[in-house]
Amino acid sequence: VLNINHEIDIYPNPSKGEFTFELNELLENLEVKVFNTLGQQVYGFSDKDMMNAIHFINLNKQPSGMYLLMIESEKGVSTQKIIIE
């Protein structure tokens, strides 16, 4: 599995629950998931043909704390910690 962390920027982090992630390269078959510290998926979406380099994640309804953002594509997987204040 390739690590694609270097191809993805996430900001602001920490935030109040709204995050933007920006792809440095367009990726196909994108799967985006966010997990809480209990391992429960609290957010997810997929996009077969990524036509946009900038995407928004709204986690306003989630309690403050640390979460794991997992972005998977045909090129590999990115996992990054995000924090809701």
N, C-alpha and C. Protein backbone atom coordinates (compact mmCIF):
# COMPACT_ATOMS: atom_id res chain seq x y z
N VAL A 1 0.85 -1.18 0.00
CA VAL A 1 0.00 0.00 0.00
C VAL A 1 0.89 1.24 0.00
N LEU A 2 0.62 2.12 -0.92
CA LEU A 2 1.38 3.37 -1.00
C LEU A 2 0.84 4.38 -0.01
N ASN A 3 1.71 5.20 0.52
CA ASN A 3 1.31 6.28 1.42
C ASN A 3 1.20 7.55 0.60
N ILE A 4 0.01 8.18 0.60
CA ILE A 4 -0.20 9.39 -0.20
C ILE A 4 -0.37 10.63 0.67
N ASN A 5 0.12 10.60 1.92
CA ASN A 5 -0.01 11.75 2.82
C ASN A 5 0.58 13.02 2.21
N HIS A 6 1.67 12.88 1.47
CA HIS A 6 2.33 14.06 0.91
C HIS A 6 1.51 14.72 -0.20
N GLU A 7 0.47 14.06 -0.69
CA GLU A 7 -0.35 14.61 -1.77
C GLU A 7 -1.61 15.30 -1.25
N ILE A 8 -1.80 15.36 0.08
CA ILE A 8 -3.04 15.88 0.64
C ILE A 8 -2.73 16.89 1.74
N ASP A 9 -3.35 18.07 1.64
CA ASP A 9 -3.24 19.10 2.67
C ASP A 9 -4.59 19.22 3.36
N ILE A 10 -4.59 19.27 4.69
CA ILE A 10 -5.83 19.39 5.47
C ILE A 10 -5.72 20.63 6.35
N TYR A 11 -6.75 21.48 6.27
CA TYR A 11 -6.72 22.71 7.06
C TYR A 11 -8.14 23.18 7.32
N PRO A 12 -8.42 24.03 8.29
CA PRO A 12 -7.54 24.24 9.45
C PRO A 12 -7.56 23.00 10.32
N ASN A 13 -6.52 22.77 11.03
CA ASN A 13 -6.44 21.61 11.92
C ASN A 13 -5.56 21.99 13.10
N PRO A 14 -6.14 22.19 14.27
CA PRO A 14 -7.53 21.89 14.68
C PRO A 14 -8.53 22.91 14.14
N SER A 15 -9.81 22.53 14.21
CA SER A 15 -10.89 23.41 13.77
C SER A 15 -12.10 23.22 14.68
N LYS A 16 -13.15 23.96 14.39
CA LYS A 16 -14.41 23.84 15.14
C LYS A 16 -15.28 22.72 14.57
N GLY A 17 -14.81 22.04 13.55
CA GLY A 17 -15.56 20.93 12.97
C GLY A 17 -15.66 20.98 11.45
N GLU A 18 -15.17 22.07 10.85
CA GLU A 18 -15.19 22.17 9.39
C GLU A 18 -13.75 22.12 8.88
N PHE A 19 -13.50 21.13 8.04
CA PHE A 19 -12.16 20.92 7.50
C PHE A 19 -12.20 21.00 5.98
N THR A 20 -11.10 21.41 5.41
CA THR A 20 -10.92 21.40 3.96
C THR A 20 -9.74 20.49 3.68
N PHE A 21 -9.90 19.61 2.69
CA PHE A 21 -8.71 18.89 2.26
C PHE A 21 -8.51 19.15 0.78
N GLU A 22 -7.25 19.36 0.47
CA GLU A 22 -6.87 19.75 -0.88
C GLU A 22 -5.92 18.70 -1.44
N LEU A 23 -6.25 18.22 -2.62
CA LEU A 23 -5.41 17.22 -3.27
C LEU A 23 -4.39 17.91 -4.16
N ASN A 24 -3.15 17.54 -4.03
CA ASN A 24 -2.10 18.08 -4.88
C ASN A 24 -2.11 17.42 -6.26
N GLU A 25 -2.88 16.34 -6.36
CA GLU A 25 -3.02 15.61 -7.61
C GLU A 25 -4.42 15.02 -7.62
N LEU A 26 -5.11 15.06 -8.76
CA LEU A 26 -6.45 14.48 -8.82
C LEU A 26 -6.35 12.96 -8.73
N LEU A 27 -7.18 12.39 -7.87
CA LEU A 27 -7.16 10.95 -7.63
C LEU A 27 -8.49 10.34 -8.04
N GLU A 28 -8.44 9.14 -8.59
CA GLU A 28 -9.67 8.43 -8.97
C GLU A 28 -10.04 7.45 -7.88
N ASN A 29 -11.33 7.07 -7.88
CA ASN A 29 -11.86 6.09 -6.93
C ASN A 29 -11.53 6.47 -5.49
N LEU A 30 -11.84 7.71 -5.16
CA LEU A 30 -11.52 8.24 -3.85
C LEU A 30 -12.56 7.79 -2.82
N GLU A 31 -12.08 7.31 -1.68
CA GLU A 31 -12.93 6.96 -0.54
C GLU A 31 -12.44 7.79 0.64
N VAL A 32 -13.35 8.53 1.26
CA VAL A 32 -13.00 9.37 2.40
C VAL A 32 -13.81 8.91 3.60
N LYS A 33 -13.11 8.63 4.71
CA LYS A 33 -13.79 8.19 5.93
C LYS A 33 -13.16 8.90 7.12
N VAL A 34 -14.00 9.20 8.11
CA VAL A 34 -13.51 9.76 9.37
C VAL A 34 -13.99 8.84 10.49
N PHE A 35 -13.05 8.49 11.38
CA PHE A 35 -13.35 7.60 12.50
C PHE A 35 -13.09 8.33 13.81
N ASN A 36 -13.93 8.03 14.82
CA ASN A 36 -13.67 8.58 16.15
C ASN A 36 -12.67 7.68 16.87
N THR A 37 -12.33 8.02 18.11
CA THR A 37 -11.31 7.25 18.84
C THR A 37 -11.78 5.85 19.23
N LEU A 38 -13.08 5.59 19.11
CA LEU A 38 -13.61 4.25 19.37
C LEU A 38 -13.59 3.38 18.11
N GLY A 39 -13.15 3.97 17.00
CA GLY A 39 -13.10 3.22 15.74
C GLY A 39 -14.40 3.25 14.96
N GLN A 40 -15.35 4.06 15.40
CA GLN A 40 -16.64 4.15 14.70
C GLN A 40 -16.53 5.18 13.58
N GLN A 41 -17.05 4.80 12.40
CA GLN A 41 -17.05 5.75 11.28
C GLN A 41 -18.12 6.81 11.52
N VAL A 42 -17.71 8.08 11.49
CA VAL A 42 -18.65 9.17 11.74
C VAL A 42 -18.90 10.01 10.50
N TYR A 43 -18.16 9.72 9.42
CA TYR A 43 -18.33 10.47 8.17
C TYR A 43 -17.76 9.64 7.05
N GLY A 44 -18.34 9.77 5.86
CA GLY A 44 -17.78 9.09 4.71
C GLY A 44 -18.40 9.52 3.41
N PHE A 45 -17.62 9.50 2.36
CA PHE A 45 -18.14 9.67 1.01
C PHE A 45 -17.15 9.07 0.02
N SER A 46 -17.64 8.81 -1.18
CA SER A 46 -16.77 8.30 -2.23
C SER A 46 -17.02 9.08 -3.51
N ASP A 47 -16.01 9.12 -4.34
CA ASP A 47 -16.09 9.84 -5.60
C ASP A 47 -15.27 9.04 -6.62
N LYS A 48 -15.94 8.52 -7.62
CA LYS A 48 -15.27 7.67 -8.60
C LYS A 48 -14.31 8.45 -9.49
N ASP A 49 -14.73 9.60 -9.98
CA ASP A 49 -13.88 10.43 -10.83
C ASP A 49 -13.69 11.77 -10.16
N MET A 50 -12.59 11.92 -9.48
CA MET A 50 -12.32 13.12 -8.71
C MET A 50 -12.06 14.29 -9.66
N MET A 51 -13.02 15.16 -9.80
CA MET A 51 -12.87 16.29 -10.71
C MET A 51 -12.50 17.56 -9.95
N ASN A 52 -12.51 17.49 -8.64
CA ASN A 52 -12.26 18.65 -7.82
C ASN A 52 -11.06 18.40 -6.93
N ALA A 53 -10.19 19.38 -6.78
CA ALA A 53 -9.02 19.21 -5.94
C ALA A 53 -9.29 19.62 -4.50
N ILE A 54 -10.39 20.37 -4.26
CA ILE A 54 -10.69 20.86 -2.92
C ILE A 54 -12.03 20.29 -2.46
N HIS A 55 -12.04 19.73 -1.25
CA HIS A 55 -13.25 19.13 -0.69
C HIS A 55 -13.42 19.58 0.75
N PHE A 56 -14.68 19.64 1.17
CA PHE A 56 -15.01 20.10 2.51
C PHE A 56 -15.59 18.96 3.33
N ILE A 57 -15.23 18.90 4.59
CA ILE A 57 -15.76 17.91 5.51
C ILE A 57 -16.39 18.67 6.67
N ASN A 58 -17.67 18.40 6.92
CA ASN A 58 -18.37 19.09 8.01
C ASN A 58 -18.62 18.08 9.13
N LEU A 59 -17.93 18.28 10.24
CA LEU A 59 -18.09 17.42 11.41
C LEU A 59 -18.65 18.22 12.58
N ASN A 60 -19.43 19.27 12.29
CA ASN A 60 -19.96 20.15 13.33
C ASN A 60 -20.76 19.42 14.39
N LYS A 61 -21.40 18.32 14.03
CA LYS A 61 -22.26 17.62 14.99
C LYS A 61 -21.48 16.64 15.86
N GLN A 62 -20.19 16.50 15.60
CA GLN A 62 -19.37 15.58 16.39
C GLN A 62 -18.79 16.31 17.60
N PRO A 63 -18.61 15.59 18.70
CA PRO A 63 -18.02 16.21 19.90
C PRO A 63 -16.55 16.55 19.66
N SER A 64 -16.03 17.47 20.45
CA SER A 64 -14.62 17.83 20.31
C SER A 64 -13.76 16.62 20.66
N GLY A 65 -12.60 16.57 20.04
CA GLY A 65 -11.68 15.46 20.27
C GLY A 65 -10.86 15.17 19.04
N MET A 66 -10.15 14.04 19.09
CA MET A 66 -9.30 13.64 17.98
C MET A 66 -10.03 12.62 17.10
N TYR A 67 -9.83 12.73 15.80
CA TYR A 67 -10.44 11.84 14.82
C TYR A 67 -9.36 11.40 13.83
N LEU A 68 -9.62 10.31 13.14
CA LEU A 68 -8.71 9.83 12.12
C LEU A 68 -9.37 9.97 10.76
N LEU A 69 -8.75 10.73 9.90
CA LEU A 69 -9.22 10.92 8.52
C LEU A 69 -8.47 9.94 7.64
N MET A 70 -9.21 9.09 6.93
CA MET A 70 -8.60 8.12 6.03
C MET A 70 -9.06 8.42 4.61
N ILE A 71 -8.11 8.65 3.73
CA ILE A 71 -8.40 8.91 2.33
C ILE A 71 -7.70 7.83 1.52
N GLU A 72 -8.50 7.10 0.74
CA GLU A 72 -7.96 5.98 -0.02
C GLU A 72 -8.27 6.19 -1.49
N SER A 73 -7.31 5.85 -2.35
CA SER A 73 -7.51 5.94 -3.80
C SER A 73 -6.74 4.81 -4.45
N GLU A 74 -6.77 4.80 -5.78
CA GLU A 74 -6.03 3.76 -6.50
C GLU A 74 -4.53 3.91 -6.30
N LYS A 75 -4.08 5.08 -5.82
CA LYS A 75 -2.65 5.31 -5.62
C LYS A 75 -2.17 4.98 -4.23
N GLY A 76 -3.09 4.76 -3.29
CA GLY A 76 -2.67 4.43 -1.94
C GLY A 76 -3.61 4.97 -0.89
N VAL A 77 -3.09 5.08 0.34
CA VAL A 77 -3.91 5.47 1.49
C VAL A 77 -3.21 6.60 2.25
N SER A 78 -4.03 7.56 2.71
CA SER A 78 -3.54 8.61 3.58
C SER A 78 -4.33 8.53 4.88
N THR A 79 -3.65 8.52 6.01
CA THR A 79 -4.32 8.60 7.30
C THR A 79 -3.71 9.76 8.06
N GLN A 80 -4.57 10.64 8.53
CA GLN A 80 -4.10 11.82 9.26
C GLN A 80 -5.03 12.09 10.43
N LYS A 81 -4.45 12.58 11.53
CA LYS A 81 -5.24 12.96 12.68
C LYS A 81 -5.82 14.35 12.45
N ILE A 82 -7.08 14.51 12.79
CA ILE A 82 -7.71 15.83 12.77
C ILE A 82 -8.32 16.06 14.15
N ILE A 83 -8.38 17.30 14.56
CA ILE A 83 -8.84 17.63 15.91
C ILE A 83 -9.97 18.65 15.83
N ILE A 84 -11.06 18.33 16.53
CA ILE A 84 -12.18 19.27 16.69
C ILE A 84 -12.04 19.90 18.06
N GLU A 85 -12.01 21.22 18.07
CA GLU A 85 -11.86 21.95 19.35
C GLU A 85 -13.20 22.10 20.05
